[in-house]
N, C-alpha and C. Protein backbone atom coordinates (compact mmCIF):
# COMPACT_ATOMS: atom_id res chain seq x y z
N UNK A 1 -4.02 25.99 -47.25
CA UNK A 1 -3.81 24.54 -46.55
C UNK A 1 -4.18 24.45 -45.35
N UNK A 2 -4.17 22.74 -45.31
CA UNK A 2 -5.30 22.12 -44.28
C UNK A 2 -4.50 21.96 -43.24
N UNK A 3 -5.09 22.04 -41.87
CA UNK A 3 -4.30 21.43 -40.66
C UNK A 3 -4.20 20.23 -40.48
N UNK A 4 -3.00 20.04 -39.81
CA UNK A 4 -3.04 18.34 -39.38
C UNK A 4 -4.16 18.26 -37.95
N UNK A 5 -4.67 17.40 -38.05
CA UNK A 5 -5.44 17.27 -36.22
C UNK A 5 -4.54 17.26 -35.42
N UNK A 6 -5.25 17.84 -34.27
CA UNK A 6 -4.08 17.56 -32.96
C UNK A 6 -4.33 16.07 -32.65
N UNK A 7 -2.86 15.46 -32.04
CA UNK A 7 -3.03 14.41 -31.58
C UNK A 7 -3.97 14.20 -30.37
N UNK A 8 -4.77 12.84 -30.66
CA UNK A 8 -5.37 12.66 -29.36
C UNK A 8 -4.68 11.97 -28.05
N UNK A 9 -4.60 12.86 -27.07
CA UNK A 9 -4.19 12.63 -25.68
C UNK A 9 -5.23 11.77 -25.21
N UNK A 10 -4.43 10.24 -24.75
CA UNK A 10 -5.40 9.15 -23.86
C UNK A 10 -5.43 9.43 -22.59
N UNK A 11 -6.24 9.89 -21.72
CA UNK A 11 -5.39 9.85 -20.60
C UNK A 11 -4.94 8.60 -19.42
N UNK A 12 -3.69 8.31 -18.72
CA UNK A 12 -3.82 7.24 -18.54
C UNK A 12 -5.08 6.83 -17.53
N UNK A 13 -5.22 5.14 -17.36
CA UNK A 13 -6.03 4.46 -16.42
C UNK A 13 -5.81 4.89 -14.86
N UNK A 14 -6.50 5.30 -14.15
CA UNK A 14 -6.05 5.12 -12.69
C UNK A 14 -5.81 3.54 -12.17
N UNK A 15 -4.65 3.99 -11.41
CA UNK A 15 -4.58 2.31 -10.77
C UNK A 15 -5.76 2.26 -9.76
N UNK A 16 -6.06 1.12 -9.79
CA UNK A 16 -7.21 0.53 -9.07
C UNK A 16 -6.57 -0.72 -7.65
N UNK A 17 -5.26 -1.23 -8.25
CA UNK A 17 -5.00 -2.77 -7.54
C UNK A 17 -3.24 -2.78 -7.80
N UNK A 18 -2.58 -2.90 -6.68
CA UNK A 18 -1.34 -3.37 -6.85
C UNK A 18 -1.49 -4.81 -6.44
N UNK A 19 -0.91 -5.75 -7.31
CA UNK A 19 -0.24 -7.57 -6.94
C UNK A 19 1.24 -7.54 -6.98
N UNK A 20 1.69 -7.77 -5.95
CA UNK A 20 2.88 -7.99 -5.52
C UNK A 20 3.24 -9.37 -6.23
N UNK A 21 4.37 -9.57 -6.94
CA UNK A 21 4.81 -10.57 -7.52
C UNK A 21 5.95 -11.28 -6.76
N UNK A 22 6.01 -12.42 -7.07
CA UNK A 22 6.85 -13.48 -6.68
C UNK A 22 6.81 -13.62 -4.80
N UNK A 23 8.08 -13.63 -3.89
CA UNK A 23 7.62 -13.85 -2.83
C UNK A 23 7.85 -12.47 -1.79
N UNK A 24 6.30 -11.58 -2.26
CA UNK A 24 6.34 -10.02 -1.86
C UNK A 24 4.70 -9.99 -1.51
N UNK A 25 5.02 -8.87 -0.44
CA UNK A 25 3.75 -8.51 0.12
C UNK A 25 3.72 -7.02 -0.15
N UNK A 26 2.56 -6.54 -0.16
CA UNK A 26 2.25 -4.98 -0.06
C UNK A 26 1.40 -4.79 1.20
N UNK A 27 2.33 -3.60 2.13
CA UNK A 27 2.47 -3.32 3.18
C UNK A 27 2.13 -1.84 3.35
N UNK A 28 0.85 -1.65 4.19
CA UNK A 28 0.52 -0.23 4.84
C UNK A 28 1.45 -0.17 5.80
N UNK A 29 2.31 0.89 5.28
CA UNK A 29 3.21 0.99 6.91
C UNK A 29 2.23 2.16 7.81
N UNK A 30 2.44 1.85 9.43
CA UNK A 30 2.04 2.62 10.02
C UNK A 30 2.50 3.76 10.22
N UNK A 31 1.46 4.60 10.65
CA UNK A 31 2.59 6.08 10.90
C UNK A 31 3.71 6.35 11.97
N UNK A 32 4.17 6.85 11.91
CA UNK A 32 5.32 6.48 12.80
C UNK A 32 4.73 7.21 14.08
N UNK A 33 5.57 6.68 15.42
CA UNK A 33 5.07 7.45 16.21
C UNK A 33 6.10 8.23 17.02
N UNK A 34 5.16 9.54 17.05
CA UNK A 34 5.74 10.70 17.76
C UNK A 34 6.58 10.87 19.36
N UNK A 35 6.08 9.71 20.38
CA UNK A 35 6.38 9.66 21.23
C UNK A 35 6.24 8.03 21.86
N UNK A 36 7.23 8.03 22.91
CA UNK A 36 7.08 6.33 23.44
C UNK A 36 5.86 5.88 24.55
N UNK A 37 5.72 5.15 24.78
CA UNK A 37 4.50 4.88 25.80
C UNK A 37 4.60 5.48 27.07
N UNK A 38 5.50 5.84 27.25
CA UNK A 38 6.01 6.47 28.59
C UNK A 38 6.07 7.84 28.52
N UNK A 39 6.08 8.57 27.34
CA UNK A 39 5.46 9.83 26.80
C UNK A 39 6.63 10.63 26.49
N UNK A 40 7.48 9.57 26.50
CA UNK A 40 8.88 10.47 25.56
C UNK A 40 8.58 11.18 24.57
N UNK A 41 8.90 11.82 24.13
CA UNK A 41 9.07 12.45 22.79
C UNK A 41 9.79 12.13 21.72
N UNK A 42 10.00 11.64 20.64
CA UNK A 42 10.98 11.29 19.45
C UNK A 42 11.32 12.28 18.61
N UNK A 43 12.54 12.55 18.34
CA UNK A 43 12.66 13.56 17.57
C UNK A 43 12.15 13.15 16.12
N UNK A 44 12.09 13.98 15.09
CA UNK A 44 11.49 13.72 13.82
C UNK A 44 12.62 12.92 13.24
N UNK A 45 13.79 12.91 13.30
CA UNK A 45 14.87 12.09 12.82
C UNK A 45 15.32 11.05 12.99
N UNK A 46 14.42 10.38 13.88
CA UNK A 46 14.91 9.15 14.92
C UNK A 46 14.76 8.30 13.74
N UNK A 47 15.80 7.44 13.50
CA UNK A 47 15.82 6.51 12.87
C UNK A 47 15.47 5.02 13.33
N UNK A 48 14.48 4.58 12.82
CA UNK A 48 14.31 3.06 13.06
C UNK A 48 14.44 1.97 12.59
N UNK A 49 15.32 1.03 12.71
CA UNK A 49 15.54 -0.22 11.93
C UNK A 49 14.52 -1.18 11.20
N UNK A 50 13.53 -1.03 11.75
CA UNK A 50 12.03 -1.44 11.33
C UNK A 50 10.67 -1.19 11.32
N UNK A 51 9.88 -1.57 10.47
CA UNK A 51 8.60 -0.39 10.58
C UNK A 51 7.83 -1.50 10.63
N UNK A 52 6.25 -0.82 11.61
CA UNK A 52 5.26 -2.12 11.42
C UNK A 52 4.28 -1.62 10.46
N UNK A 53 3.58 -2.34 10.26
CA UNK A 53 2.57 -2.01 8.91
C UNK A 53 1.42 -3.25 9.07
N UNK A 54 0.21 -3.05 7.98
CA UNK A 54 -0.50 -4.01 7.57
C UNK A 54 -0.54 -4.44 6.49
N UNK A 55 -0.86 -5.90 6.32
CA UNK A 55 -0.54 -6.50 4.87
C UNK A 55 -1.68 -6.03 4.66
N UNK A 56 -2.06 -5.22 2.99
CA UNK A 56 -3.00 -5.39 2.03
C UNK A 56 -3.01 -6.16 1.06
N UNK A 57 -1.94 -6.68 0.71
CA UNK A 57 -2.40 -8.28 -0.13
C UNK A 57 -1.19 -8.92 -0.24
N UNK A 58 -1.49 -9.80 -0.75
CA UNK A 58 -0.16 -10.91 -0.47
C UNK A 58 -0.04 -11.73 -2.18
N UNK A 59 1.07 -12.07 -2.92
CA UNK A 59 1.22 -12.82 -3.82
C UNK A 59 0.90 -13.79 -4.14
N UNK A 60 0.27 -14.39 -5.30
CA UNK A 60 0.11 -16.07 -5.15
C UNK A 60 0.93 -17.05 -4.77
N UNK A 61 2.11 -16.57 -4.84
CA UNK A 61 3.24 -17.56 -4.57
C UNK A 61 3.38 -17.64 -3.03
N UNK A 62 3.18 -16.39 -2.27
CA UNK A 62 3.24 -16.71 -0.76
C UNK A 62 1.78 -17.60 -0.40
N UNK A 63 0.33 -16.99 -1.22
CA UNK A 63 -1.01 -17.05 -0.98
C UNK A 63 -0.39 -18.97 -1.00
N UNK A 64 0.16 -19.83 -1.64
CA UNK A 64 0.22 -21.26 -1.69
C UNK A 64 1.51 -21.99 -1.14
N UNK A 65 2.52 -21.11 -0.30
CA UNK A 65 3.38 -21.60 0.08
C UNK A 65 3.04 -21.50 1.78
N UNK A 66 3.38 -22.83 2.09
CA UNK A 66 2.57 -23.25 3.51
C UNK A 66 3.57 -22.79 4.75
N UNK A 67 4.67 -22.79 4.07
CA UNK A 67 6.16 -22.28 5.19
C UNK A 67 6.13 -21.15 5.45
N UNK A 68 5.45 -19.63 4.66
CA UNK A 68 5.30 -18.52 4.96
C UNK A 68 4.15 -18.10 5.47
N UNK A 69 3.77 -17.98 6.88
CA UNK A 69 2.90 -17.86 7.44
C UNK A 69 1.93 -16.29 7.43
N UNK A 70 2.29 -15.76 6.49
CA UNK A 70 1.64 -14.69 5.79
C UNK A 70 0.01 -14.26 5.37
N UNK A 71 -0.66 -13.52 5.74
CA UNK A 71 -1.92 -13.26 5.27
C UNK A 71 -2.40 -12.19 5.15
N UNK A 72 -3.35 -12.05 4.07
CA UNK A 72 -3.69 -10.37 4.11
C UNK A 72 -4.48 -9.82 5.32
N UNK A 73 -4.06 -8.87 5.88
CA UNK A 73 -4.42 -7.90 7.27
C UNK A 73 -3.44 -8.11 8.43
N UNK A 74 -2.63 -9.56 8.00
CA UNK A 74 -1.62 -9.53 9.44
C UNK A 74 -1.04 -8.00 9.61
N UNK A 75 -0.46 -7.95 10.81
CA UNK A 75 -0.30 -6.68 11.17
C UNK A 75 1.57 -7.30 11.36
N UNK A 76 3.04 -7.07 10.83
CA UNK A 76 3.50 -7.19 10.62
C UNK A 76 4.93 -6.30 11.08
N UNK A 77 6.03 -6.74 11.37
CA UNK A 77 6.96 -6.21 11.25
C UNK A 77 8.48 -6.04 10.16
N UNK A 78 8.50 -5.26 9.80
CA UNK A 78 9.30 -5.62 8.57
C UNK A 78 10.62 -4.97 8.81
N UNK A 79 11.66 -5.14 7.95
CA UNK A 79 12.85 -4.17 7.85
C UNK A 79 13.00 -3.42 6.24
N UNK A 80 13.08 -2.28 6.48
CA UNK A 80 12.41 -1.19 5.51
C UNK A 80 13.88 -1.30 3.98
N UNK A 81 15.11 -1.74 4.29
CA UNK A 81 15.85 -1.74 3.82
C UNK A 81 15.23 -1.96 1.95
N UNK A 82 14.67 -2.99 1.68
CA UNK A 82 14.65 -3.49 0.18
C UNK A 82 13.03 -3.39 0.03
N UNK A 83 12.58 -2.53 0.78
CA UNK A 83 11.07 -2.29 0.53
C UNK A 83 10.87 -0.80 -0.28
N UNK A 84 10.29 -0.91 -1.58
CA UNK A 84 9.64 -0.61 -2.50
C UNK A 84 8.45 0.34 -2.36
N UNK A 85 8.86 1.45 -2.27
CA UNK A 85 7.57 2.70 -2.00
C UNK A 85 6.90 2.48 -3.59
N UNK A 86 5.52 2.38 -3.00
CA UNK A 86 4.58 2.66 -4.18
C UNK A 86 3.78 4.27 -4.06
N UNK A 87 3.94 4.89 -5.31
CA UNK A 87 3.69 5.71 -5.48
C UNK A 87 1.94 5.33 -5.92
N UNK A 88 1.22 4.72 -5.59
CA UNK A 88 -0.03 4.66 -5.51
C UNK A 88 -1.19 5.87 -5.50
N UNK A 89 -0.82 6.35 -4.29
CA UNK A 89 -1.54 7.72 -3.99
C UNK A 89 -0.89 8.07 -2.55
N UNK A 90 -1.06 9.56 -2.39
CA UNK A 90 0.07 10.29 -2.17
C UNK A 90 -0.04 10.66 -0.52
N UNK A 91 -0.95 9.76 -0.24
CA UNK A 91 -1.15 9.76 1.53
C UNK A 91 -1.34 8.01 2.35
N UNK A 92 -1.11 7.25 1.44
CA UNK A 92 -1.12 5.66 1.89
C UNK A 92 -0.26 5.05 2.33
N UNK A 93 1.15 5.17 1.91
CA UNK A 93 2.45 4.61 2.59
C UNK A 93 2.51 3.28 2.08
N UNK A 94 2.19 2.99 0.80
CA UNK A 94 2.07 1.42 0.65
C UNK A 94 3.46 1.06 0.05
N UNK A 95 3.85 0.09 0.61
CA UNK A 95 5.43 -0.59 0.04
C UNK A 95 5.38 -2.04 -0.04
N UNK A 96 5.85 -2.11 -1.33
CA UNK A 96 6.16 -3.82 -1.69
C UNK A 96 7.37 -4.31 -1.11
N UNK A 97 6.71 -5.37 0.00
CA UNK A 97 7.94 -5.87 1.04
C UNK A 97 8.45 -7.22 0.70
N UNK A 98 10.08 -7.56 0.29
CA UNK A 98 9.89 -8.97 0.01
C UNK A 98 9.98 -10.08 1.58
N UNK A 99 9.04 -11.10 1.22
CA UNK A 99 8.84 -11.57 2.30
C UNK A 99 10.06 -12.04 3.31
N UNK A 100 11.47 -12.01 3.07
CA UNK A 100 12.39 -11.89 3.87
C UNK A 100 12.72 -10.93 4.97
N UNK A 101 12.17 -9.72 4.07
CA UNK A 101 12.40 -9.01 5.49
C UNK A 101 11.37 -8.49 6.33
N UNK A 102 10.14 -9.84 6.14
CA UNK A 102 9.21 -9.62 6.63
C UNK A 102 9.79 -10.37 8.31
N UNK A 103 9.99 -9.84 9.50
CA UNK A 103 10.84 -10.15 10.74
C UNK A 103 9.91 -10.58 11.83
N UNK A 104 8.28 -10.30 11.66
CA UNK A 104 7.45 -10.56 12.58
C UNK A 104 6.15 -10.21 12.41
N UNK A 105 5.52 -11.69 12.94
CA UNK A 105 4.11 -11.50 12.62
C UNK A 105 3.11 -11.33 14.25
N UNK A 106 2.60 -10.15 13.96
CA UNK A 106 1.90 -9.98 15.33
C UNK A 106 0.33 -10.76 15.37
N UNK A 107 0.51 -11.67 16.61
CA UNK A 107 -0.57 -12.22 16.75
C UNK A 107 -1.81 -12.17 17.93
N UNK A 108 -2.79 -12.79 18.10
CA UNK A 108 -3.42 -13.00 19.00
C UNK A 108 -3.38 -13.74 19.98
N UNK A 109 -3.41 -14.84 19.59
CA UNK A 109 -2.96 -15.89 20.06
C UNK A 109 -1.65 -16.85 19.61
N UNK A 110 -0.95 -17.39 20.96
CA UNK A 110 0.09 -18.03 20.43
C UNK A 110 -0.55 -19.25 19.38
N UNK A 111 0.27 -20.53 18.69
CA UNK A 111 0.04 -21.54 18.12
C UNK A 111 -0.33 -22.47 19.25
N UNK A 112 -1.19 -23.76 19.17
CA UNK A 112 -1.28 -24.16 20.13
C UNK A 112 -2.12 -23.50 21.68
N UNK A 113 -2.61 -22.72 21.64
CA UNK A 113 -3.43 -21.93 22.49
C UNK A 113 -4.83 -22.46 22.15
N UNK A 114 -5.23 -22.90 22.91
CA UNK A 114 -6.88 -22.86 22.70
C UNK A 114 -7.55 -22.83 23.85
C-alpha cells in the first residue's frame, strides 16, 4: 500500500505594509506617560479618553481630500473608541483610526504665520 504524500504547507507571507481604506489613517500610538511634567506619577490604570500618536500612512481618500489636513508623519490627538488595533508586530502599537476620530493635529507654526 503506497503512502499518500503529506500536504505541503505554505508559509504565510509576512505582512510588510498596511494601507488604510476609506477615510482612515494608520497611527503609531505614543508610549503612555508614566508621570506628568510636574512629576506626579500616574497610576497604570489611569484611563485617558484621547491618545497621541504619529500618522504612519494615510488612505488615498484622505490624500486627495483638501478638507482633511492630515499628512504622513503628523502628530495627532485621537479618540481611541473606534480605533482598530493592528496585530502587525507585537511591539509597535499600530491602530487604524477613522478620520472623524482625529481631534487635533500638532503643528509647529499656525496657519498664516510666516
